[in-house]
Amino acid sequence: MSNQRCLSPFLWIKENKYLLGTSFSHLMIDGFSMVIYPLLPLIAREFNLTLSKVGILRTTYSLSTSFLQLPVSVFLEPMSEIILIIMGVLWVSFGFLLMSVSPTFLILLIVSFIAGLGGNVQHPIGSAFVSRVYDKNRRGSSLGFLNFSGDIGKTIFPIIVSSILTFYLWRNCLFIFGVFGTLVSILMFYIYRRSIKGLHKEDIKTDSSSMSKNKGSYYGKWGITSVPKFVVLSIIGVIDATSRVVILTYLPFLFIQKGIKAEKTGVYLAILLTGGSAGKLGCGFLSDRFGYLPMILITEILTSLSILLIYFNNNLILLIVLLFIGGFVLNGTSTVLYTTVAELVSTEKRNRGYGLFYTIYLIAEALGPVAFGYIGQVWGLCSIYFVLSGFTFLIVPFAIWLKSMNGRQITQQ
């Protein structure tokens, strides 16, 4: 018995090696995306950049890590996902090495764009891979763990950057991360090299047998089992993504209106993000327990209410509680939605299914702050929160509609 207890952590690691590998890659990619932020003032000083050029540099890397998610998911579909995930980390790492020796701002800008392309692989392919490996067991909690791992990278990497900058220049910092990422990629390839082909072929065989049972239900080459359901889920995703990015964008302005100093708004945002990290992990387990549709309803109703409560509340202690709870349900919904995508796309086509869903998410995140910024400019800051609360609550009827579609399908069968 004692030997089994000693071995249990190692057995858990062995059983979950694909989840751990994909999650660590997610940690690396999301962490790398945060490395640039602390380096921007130092880069600006060396190249004598204006604030607009600093923004261009940041936007270039951010866009390059996400705008090719859909085509990458489609064209690289025949390849083994674990290979693509490892190659994504290696690509970004090599890009950091090149950025560390860029002699001019123009070359740095071009190289940062090229480096960011490696990030297009992680989110759609990583989510598809994990949902496929854990398709019949613990899908929600596994995707929640994967989603949560990215937040760990976003938290710890800026701290590491600050430590490195105490002794070295920004170029040395990028070089160190580049070397570290390269070594991690080589190590991961060594760990997974024996099971890469076997896992992929085995899953394709399993997927083919499951497809034969529902051959008529798949929509063309996309593997979508129900187009109406996927459209409704995408609408829910648009509302959810818009709500999250709008809150993060305009919450500091509300803090200042409540009398909180501008220098301290970051602390309160950190509380919201901490709750969000817990929500990404916790809602994955809860969706396994209660199902994805009930969790969508619960999280979105609470999100809508928390937006209003945060606006009207003026007690700082209660505000901290509301921010944590609001962040939990606000970000936790994303894990539930990612789990639901797997319900609506055949297993062998999930790469492109997730690629399509993430692209829709990206568009919503880009346009949301602009639309609500205009609302706030015309009717005031309060209008953003009232409209956003109502906008978020729209998910409830769409989720009920999605649930009714499931009921009709069961009745037909």
Protein backbone atom coordinates (compact mmCIF):
# COMPACT_ATOMS: atom_id res chain seq x y z
CA MET A 1 0.00 0.00 0.00
CA SER A 2 2.82 2.40 0.91
CA ASN A 3 4.56 1.70 -2.39
CA GLN A 4 1.36 2.51 -4.28
CA ARG A 5 1.07 5.81 -2.40
CA CYS A 6 4.66 6.69 -3.27
CA LEU A 7 4.12 5.83 -6.89
CA SER A 8 0.72 7.54 -7.23
CA PRO A 9 2.10 10.98 -8.22
CA PHE A 10 4.25 9.34 -10.90
CA LEU A 11 1.31 7.28 -12.13
CA TRP A 12 -0.82 10.45 -12.32
CA ILE A 13 1.90 12.18 -14.34
CA LYS A 14 2.14 9.20 -16.68
CA GLU A 15 -1.62 9.06 -17.18
CA ASN A 16 -1.82 12.80 -17.84
CA LYS A 17 1.41 13.32 -19.77
CA TYR A 18 -0.36 14.73 -22.84
CA LEU A 19 -2.36 17.18 -20.74
CA LEU A 20 0.76 18.26 -18.85
CA GLY A 21 2.80 18.67 -22.03
CA THR A 22 0.13 20.69 -23.81
CA SER A 23 -0.51 22.79 -20.71
CA PHE A 24 3.18 23.54 -20.25
CA SER A 25 3.38 24.61 -23.89
CA HIS A 26 0.37 26.89 -23.29
CA LEU A 27 2.15 28.31 -20.24
CA MET A 28 5.21 29.02 -22.39
CA ILE A 29 3.33 30.65 -25.30
CA ASP A 30 1.14 32.86 -23.10
CA GLY A 31 4.12 33.67 -20.90
CA PHE A 32 6.17 34.69 -23.93
CA SER A 33 3.39 37.06 -24.96
CA MET A 34 3.82 38.89 -21.63
CA VAL A 35 7.62 39.12 -21.84
CA ILE A 36 7.41 42.00 -24.33
CA TYR A 37 5.48 44.35 -22.00
CA PRO A 38 8.24 45.06 -19.41
CA LEU A 39 10.82 45.35 -22.22
CA LEU A 40 8.97 48.02 -24.22
CA PRO A 41 10.37 51.08 -22.35
CA LEU A 42 13.92 49.76 -22.73
CA ILE A 43 13.43 49.00 -26.43
CA ALA A 44 11.92 52.46 -26.93
CA ARG A 45 14.90 54.09 -25.24
CA GLU A 46 17.47 52.25 -27.37
CA PHE A 47 15.70 52.88 -30.69
CA ASN A 48 14.32 56.31 -29.71
CA LEU A 49 10.74 55.23 -30.41
CA THR A 50 7.58 57.31 -30.13
CA LEU A 51 4.62 55.94 -28.20
CA SER A 52 2.85 55.15 -31.47
CA LYS A 53 5.78 53.00 -32.62
CA VAL A 54 5.79 51.23 -29.26
CA GLY A 55 2.11 50.44 -29.81
CA ILE A 56 2.84 49.19 -33.32
CA LEU A 57 5.50 46.82 -31.98
CA ARG A 58 3.15 45.40 -29.34
CA THR A 59 0.21 45.10 -31.75
CA THR A 60 2.36 43.44 -34.41
CA TYR A 61 3.38 40.61 -32.08
CA SER A 62 -0.14 40.23 -30.63
CA LEU A 63 -1.84 40.03 -34.01
CA SER A 64 0.72 37.66 -35.47
CA THR A 65 0.11 35.18 -32.62
CA SER A 66 -3.58 34.87 -33.41
CA PHE A 67 -4.74 35.95 -36.86
CA LEU A 68 -3.63 32.73 -38.59
CA GLN A 69 -5.31 30.37 -36.12
CA LEU A 70 -7.98 29.23 -38.56
CA PRO A 71 -5.79 28.59 -41.66
CA VAL A 72 -3.13 26.93 -39.50
CA SER A 73 -5.77 24.65 -37.97
CA VAL A 74 -7.03 23.65 -41.44
CA PHE A 75 -3.81 23.25 -43.43
CA LEU A 76 -1.80 21.53 -40.68
CA GLU A 77 -4.64 19.19 -39.73
CA PRO A 78 -2.98 16.01 -41.08
CA MET A 79 0.04 16.49 -38.79
CA SER A 80 0.32 15.20 -35.23
CA GLU A 81 -0.96 17.83 -32.81
CA ILE A 82 1.74 17.23 -30.18
CA ILE A 83 4.43 17.84 -32.84
CA LEU A 84 2.75 21.11 -33.88
CA ILE A 85 2.44 22.26 -30.27
CA ILE A 86 6.14 21.62 -29.62
CA MET A 87 7.10 23.28 -32.91
CA GLY A 88 5.06 26.35 -31.94
CA VAL A 89 7.13 26.82 -28.78
CA LEU A 90 10.35 26.24 -30.74
CA TRP A 91 9.29 28.77 -33.41
CA VAL A 92 8.60 31.54 -30.89
CA SER A 93 11.81 30.73 -28.99
CA PHE A 94 13.90 30.98 -32.15
CA GLY A 95 12.13 34.25 -32.94
CA PHE A 96 13.15 35.62 -29.54
CA LEU A 97 16.76 34.71 -30.31
CA LEU A 98 16.57 36.70 -33.56
CA MET A 99 14.85 39.62 -31.82
CA SER A 100 17.70 39.79 -29.31
CA VAL A 101 20.19 40.59 -32.10
CA SER A 102 17.99 42.85 -34.27
CA PRO A 103 20.09 45.92 -35.20
CA THR A 104 17.23 48.28 -36.16
CA PHE A 105 13.60 48.88 -35.18
CA LEU A 106 12.34 47.83 -38.62
CA ILE A 107 14.12 44.48 -38.43
CA LEU A 108 12.91 44.02 -34.85
CA LEU A 109 9.35 44.70 -36.02
CA ILE A 110 9.62 42.16 -38.86
CA VAL A 111 11.21 39.53 -36.64
CA SER A 112 8.60 40.04 -33.90
CA PHE A 113 5.88 39.41 -36.48
CA ILE A 114 7.62 36.23 -37.63
CA ALA A 115 8.20 35.09 -34.04
CA GLY A 116 4.55 35.57 -33.12
CA LEU A 117 3.39 33.25 -35.91
CA GLY A 118 4.34 30.28 -33.75
CA GLY A 119 1.62 31.26 -31.30
CA ASN A 120 -1.14 30.51 -33.82
CA VAL A 121 -0.73 26.80 -33.15
CA GLN A 122 -1.26 26.63 -29.40
CA HIS A 123 -4.85 27.62 -28.69
CA PRO A 124 -6.92 25.87 -31.39
CA ILE A 125 -4.72 22.82 -31.83
CA GLY A 126 -3.93 22.48 -28.12
CA SER A 127 -7.61 22.66 -27.19
CA ALA A 128 -8.55 20.19 -29.95
CA PHE A 129 -5.81 17.78 -28.87
CA VAL A 130 -6.78 17.80 -25.18
CA SER A 131 -10.50 17.51 -25.96
CA ARG A 132 -9.74 14.52 -28.18
CA VAL A 133 -7.45 12.69 -25.76
CA TYR A 134 -9.88 13.21 -22.88
CA ASP A 135 -13.00 13.01 -25.03
CA LYS A 136 -14.93 10.51 -22.92
CA ASN A 137 -13.59 11.37 -19.50
CA ARG A 138 -12.72 14.64 -17.72
CA ARG A 139 -12.94 16.79 -20.87
CA GLY A 140 -14.17 19.88 -19.01
CA SER A 141 -11.65 19.66 -16.17
CA SER A 142 -8.82 18.91 -18.63
CA LEU A 143 -9.66 21.95 -20.79
CA GLY A 144 -10.00 23.98 -17.60
CA PHE A 145 -6.50 22.94 -16.54
CA LEU A 146 -5.19 23.78 -20.02
CA ASN A 147 -6.93 27.18 -19.94
CA PHE A 148 -5.62 27.89 -16.43
CA SER A 149 -2.01 27.04 -17.35
CA GLY A 150 -1.82 30.02 -19.70
CA ASP A 151 -2.62 32.36 -16.81
CA ILE A 152 0.24 30.87 -14.82
CA GLY A 153 2.63 31.82 -17.62
CA LYS A 154 1.18 35.32 -17.82
CA THR A 155 1.76 35.73 -14.08
CA ILE A 156 5.24 34.32 -13.55
CA PHE A 157 7.03 35.36 -16.76
CA PRO A 158 6.87 39.14 -16.11
CA ILE A 159 8.31 38.47 -12.64
CA ILE A 160 11.17 36.51 -14.21
CA VAL A 161 11.74 39.34 -16.70
CA SER A 162 12.04 41.85 -13.86
CA SER A 163 14.60 39.62 -12.13
CA ILE A 164 16.67 39.23 -15.31
CA LEU A 165 16.59 42.98 -16.05
CA THR A 166 18.15 43.62 -12.64
CA PHE A 167 21.42 42.23 -14.02
CA TYR A 168 21.12 42.20 -17.81
CA LEU A 169 19.91 44.23 -20.81
CA TRP A 170 16.66 43.63 -22.70
CA ARG A 171 18.57 41.86 -25.46
CA ASN A 172 20.05 39.43 -22.94
CA CYS A 173 16.57 38.86 -21.52
CA LEU A 174 15.13 37.87 -24.92
CA PHE A 175 18.17 35.68 -25.58
CA ILE A 176 17.74 33.86 -22.24
CA PHE A 177 14.05 33.18 -22.92
CA GLY A 178 14.89 32.07 -26.46
CA VAL A 179 17.46 29.56 -25.23
CA PHE A 180 15.14 28.36 -22.47
CA GLY A 181 12.26 27.83 -24.90
CA THR A 182 14.51 25.99 -27.35
CA LEU A 183 15.78 23.62 -24.66
CA VAL A 184 12.21 23.00 -23.44
CA SER A 185 11.11 22.15 -27.00
CA ILE A 186 13.98 19.69 -27.46
CA LEU A 187 13.22 18.07 -24.10
CA MET A 188 9.51 17.76 -24.91
CA PHE A 189 10.25 16.19 -28.27
CA TYR A 190 12.52 13.67 -26.52
CA ILE A 191 9.80 12.84 -23.95
CA TYR A 192 6.99 12.39 -26.50
CA ARG A 193 8.96 11.02 -29.47
CA ARG A 194 7.95 7.36 -28.92
CA SER A 195 4.22 7.94 -28.63
CA ILE A 196 3.66 10.69 -31.23
CA LYS A 197 2.82 8.45 -34.20
CA GLY A 198 1.01 5.82 -32.19
CA LEU A 199 -1.29 8.28 -30.44
CA HIS A 200 -2.26 10.10 -33.61
CA LYS A 201 -2.98 6.97 -35.63
CA GLU A 202 -4.87 5.34 -32.80
CA ASP A 203 -7.14 8.33 -32.36
CA ILE A 204 -7.78 8.67 -36.10
CA LYS A 205 -8.86 5.03 -36.15
CA THR A 206 -11.19 5.53 -33.20
CA ASP A 207 -12.63 8.68 -34.70
CA SER A 208 -13.36 6.91 -37.99
CA SER A 209 -15.40 4.24 -36.23
CA SER A 210 -17.41 6.86 -34.34
CA MET A 211 -17.95 8.76 -37.57
CA SER A 212 -19.54 5.80 -39.26
CA LYS A 213 -22.37 5.89 -36.72
CA ASN A 214 -23.25 9.49 -37.52
CA LYS A 215 -22.07 9.81 -41.07
CA GLY A 216 -25.03 11.87 -42.23
CA SER A 217 -24.84 14.36 -39.36
CA TYR A 218 -21.52 16.00 -40.27
CA TYR A 219 -21.54 19.21 -42.25
CA GLY A 220 -19.12 19.08 -45.18
CA LYS A 221 -15.40 19.25 -44.48
CA TRP A 222 -15.77 21.13 -41.19
CA GLY A 223 -17.10 18.21 -39.14
CA ILE A 224 -19.75 20.39 -37.49
CA THR A 225 -22.45 18.05 -36.21
CA SER A 226 -25.10 20.78 -36.07
CA VAL A 227 -24.65 24.10 -37.86
CA PRO A 228 -27.52 25.86 -35.99
CA LYS A 229 -26.04 24.82 -32.63
CA PHE A 230 -22.55 25.97 -33.64
CA VAL A 231 -23.94 29.33 -34.80
CA VAL A 232 -25.78 29.83 -31.50
CA LEU A 233 -22.66 28.83 -29.55
CA SER A 234 -20.59 31.28 -31.62
CA ILE A 235 -23.06 34.07 -30.80
CA ILE A 236 -22.68 33.19 -27.11
CA GLY A 237 -18.91 33.28 -27.60
CA VAL A 238 -19.07 36.74 -29.22
CA ILE A 239 -21.10 38.12 -26.30
CA ASP A 240 -18.82 36.47 -23.74
CA ALA A 241 -15.59 37.67 -25.38
CA THR A 242 -16.96 41.19 -25.75
CA SER A 243 -18.04 41.33 -22.11
CA ARG A 244 -14.65 40.19 -20.84
CA VAL A 245 -12.50 42.58 -22.86
CA VAL A 246 -14.84 45.56 -22.29
CA ILE A 247 -14.74 45.07 -18.52
CA LEU A 248 -10.94 44.87 -18.52
CA THR A 249 -10.72 47.98 -20.71
CA TYR A 250 -13.09 50.31 -18.84
CA LEU A 251 -12.96 49.02 -15.26
CA PRO A 252 -9.96 51.26 -14.33
CA PHE A 253 -12.04 54.31 -15.30
CA LEU A 254 -14.77 53.16 -12.91
CA PHE A 255 -12.19 52.68 -10.15
CA ILE A 256 -11.00 56.26 -10.59
CA GLN A 257 -14.61 57.47 -10.52
CA LYS A 258 -15.02 55.65 -7.19
CA GLY A 259 -12.04 57.59 -5.77
CA ILE A 260 -9.35 54.94 -6.20
CA LYS A 261 -6.02 56.41 -7.26
CA ALA A 262 -4.91 55.62 -10.80
CA GLU A 263 -1.69 54.06 -9.48
CA LYS A 264 -3.71 51.49 -7.50
CA THR A 265 -6.16 50.41 -10.19
CA GLY A 266 -3.75 47.65 -11.24
CA VAL A 267 -4.13 46.01 -7.82
CA TYR A 268 -7.90 45.77 -8.20
CA LEU A 269 -7.56 44.49 -11.76
CA ALA A 270 -5.20 41.83 -10.43
CA ILE A 271 -7.95 40.68 -8.05
CA LEU A 272 -10.35 40.35 -10.99
CA LEU A 273 -7.75 38.41 -12.99
CA THR A 274 -6.95 36.15 -10.02
CA GLY A 275 -10.62 35.28 -9.76
CA GLY A 276 -10.60 34.71 -13.51
CA SER A 277 -7.74 32.24 -13.25
CA ALA A 278 -9.57 30.32 -10.54
CA GLY A 279 -12.71 30.39 -12.69
CA LYS A 280 -10.96 28.91 -15.71
CA LEU A 281 -9.85 25.95 -13.63
CA GLY A 282 -12.91 25.59 -11.39
CA CYS A 283 -15.58 25.90 -14.08
CA GLY A 284 -13.94 23.05 -16.01
CA PHE A 285 -14.51 20.69 -13.07
CA LEU A 286 -18.01 22.07 -12.51
CA SER A 287 -18.97 21.52 -16.17
CA ASP A 288 -17.95 17.86 -15.82
CA ARG A 289 -20.18 17.64 -12.75
CA PHE A 290 -23.26 19.61 -13.83
CA GLY A 291 -23.00 19.80 -17.64
CA TYR A 292 -22.01 22.65 -19.93
CA LEU A 293 -25.44 24.23 -20.54
CA PRO A 294 -26.31 24.72 -16.84
CA MET A 295 -22.84 26.18 -16.28
CA ILE A 296 -23.25 28.66 -19.16
CA LEU A 297 -26.53 29.82 -17.64
CA ILE A 298 -25.16 30.12 -14.11
CA THR A 299 -21.92 31.91 -15.02
CA GLU A 300 -23.54 34.40 -17.37
CA ILE A 301 -26.39 35.30 -14.99
CA LEU A 302 -23.83 35.90 -12.25
CA THR A 303 -21.61 37.87 -14.64
CA SER A 304 -24.50 40.14 -15.61
CA LEU A 305 -25.37 40.73 -11.95
CA SER A 306 -21.76 41.27 -10.87
CA ILE A 307 -21.29 44.00 -13.50
CA LEU A 308 -24.13 46.02 -11.93
CA LEU A 309 -23.08 45.25 -8.36
CA ILE A 310 -19.52 46.37 -9.05
CA TYR A 311 -20.82 49.60 -10.56
CA PHE A 312 -23.15 50.48 -7.68
CA ASN A 313 -20.96 49.30 -4.80
CA ASN A 314 -18.76 51.87 -3.02
CA ASN A 315 -17.43 49.70 -0.19
CA LEU A 316 -13.82 48.74 -0.99
CA ILE A 317 -13.87 45.50 1.01
CA LEU A 318 -17.07 44.35 -0.69
CA LEU A 319 -15.62 45.51 -4.02
CA ILE A 320 -12.70 43.10 -3.60
CA VAL A 321 -15.14 40.21 -3.02
CA LEU A 322 -17.27 41.22 -6.00
CA LEU A 323 -14.21 41.54 -8.26
CA PHE A 324 -13.02 38.03 -7.37
CA ILE A 325 -16.47 36.49 -7.86
CA GLY A 326 -17.03 38.52 -11.03
CA GLY A 327 -13.67 37.43 -12.43
CA PHE A 328 -14.43 33.79 -11.55
CA VAL A 329 -17.65 33.66 -13.57
CA LEU A 330 -16.45 36.08 -16.26
CA ASN A 331 -13.39 34.05 -17.26
CA GLY A 332 -14.77 30.68 -16.17
CA THR A 333 -17.34 30.76 -18.95
CA SER A 334 -14.57 30.53 -21.55
CA THR A 335 -13.59 27.06 -20.32
CA VAL A 336 -17.22 25.93 -20.50
CA LEU A 337 -17.56 27.25 -24.06
CA TYR A 338 -14.35 25.54 -25.18
CA THR A 339 -15.73 22.30 -23.75
CA THR A 340 -18.98 22.82 -25.64
CA VAL A 341 -17.17 23.26 -28.97
CA ALA A 342 -15.99 19.66 -28.65
CA GLU A 343 -19.64 18.56 -28.37
CA LEU A 344 -20.47 20.13 -31.74
CA VAL A 345 -17.46 19.16 -33.88
CA SER A 346 -16.39 15.65 -34.86
CA THR A 347 -13.21 14.56 -33.13
CA GLU A 348 -11.00 14.37 -36.25
CA LYS A 349 -12.03 17.90 -37.35
CA ARG A 350 -11.69 19.69 -34.03
CA ASN A 351 -8.55 21.56 -35.06
CA ARG A 352 -10.50 23.62 -37.58
CA GLY A 353 -13.56 23.77 -35.31
CA TYR A 354 -11.53 25.37 -32.54
CA GLY A 355 -9.67 27.51 -35.07
CA LEU A 356 -12.98 28.91 -36.33
CA PHE A 357 -14.30 29.50 -32.81
CA TYR A 358 -11.09 31.21 -31.62
CA THR A 359 -11.10 33.44 -34.71
CA ILE A 360 -14.66 34.55 -33.96
CA TYR A 361 -13.55 35.22 -30.38
CA LEU A 362 -10.63 37.31 -31.65
CA ILE A 363 -12.86 39.49 -33.84
CA ALA A 364 -15.24 40.11 -30.92
CA GLU A 365 -12.36 41.08 -28.62
CA ALA A 366 -11.05 43.51 -31.22
CA LEU A 367 -14.37 45.24 -31.94
CA GLY A 368 -15.93 45.18 -28.45
CA PRO A 369 -13.96 48.02 -26.81
CA VAL A 370 -14.52 50.27 -29.85
CA ALA A 371 -18.31 49.77 -29.82
CA PHE A 372 -18.70 50.23 -26.07
CA GLY A 373 -16.23 53.11 -26.07
CA TYR A 374 -18.55 54.94 -28.43
CA ILE A 375 -21.51 54.15 -26.15
CA GLY A 376 -19.62 55.60 -23.19
CA GLN A 377 -18.58 58.66 -25.14
CA VAL A 378 -22.19 59.48 -26.06
CA TRP A 379 -24.07 58.52 -22.87
CA GLY A 380 -21.36 58.47 -20.20
CA LEU A 381 -19.37 55.82 -18.34
CA CYS A 382 -22.46 54.49 -16.51
CA SER A 383 -24.06 53.54 -19.84
CA ILE A 384 -21.22 51.11 -20.57
CA TYR A 385 -22.04 49.07 -17.46
CA PHE A 386 -25.83 49.12 -17.87
CA VAL A 387 -25.65 48.19 -21.55
CA LEU A 388 -22.92 45.60 -20.92
CA SER A 389 -24.96 43.94 -18.15
CA GLY A 390 -27.97 43.64 -20.45
CA PHE A 391 -25.79 42.55 -23.35
CA THR A 392 -24.22 39.79 -21.25
CA PHE A 393 -27.65 38.61 -20.07
CA LEU A 394 -28.58 37.98 -23.72
CA ILE A 395 -26.54 34.79 -23.43
CA VAL A 396 -29.28 33.31 -21.20
CA PRO A 397 -31.98 33.05 -23.93
CA PHE A 398 -29.38 31.82 -26.42
CA ALA A 399 -28.25 29.12 -23.94
CA ILE A 400 -31.89 28.10 -23.37
CA TRP A 401 -32.33 27.98 -27.15
CA LEU A 402 -29.24 25.75 -27.40
CA LYS A 403 -30.68 23.49 -24.70
CA SER A 404 -34.00 23.24 -26.58
CA MET A 405 -32.11 22.18 -29.71
CA ASN A 406 -30.62 19.30 -27.71
CA GLY A 407 -34.12 18.34 -26.56
CA ARG A 408 -35.45 18.29 -30.12
CA GLN A 409 -32.53 16.17 -31.27
CA ILE A 410 -33.15 13.61 -28.51
CA THR A 411 -36.85 13.51 -29.36
CA GLN A 412 -36.10 12.95 -33.06
CA GLN A 413 -33.75 10.11 -32.26
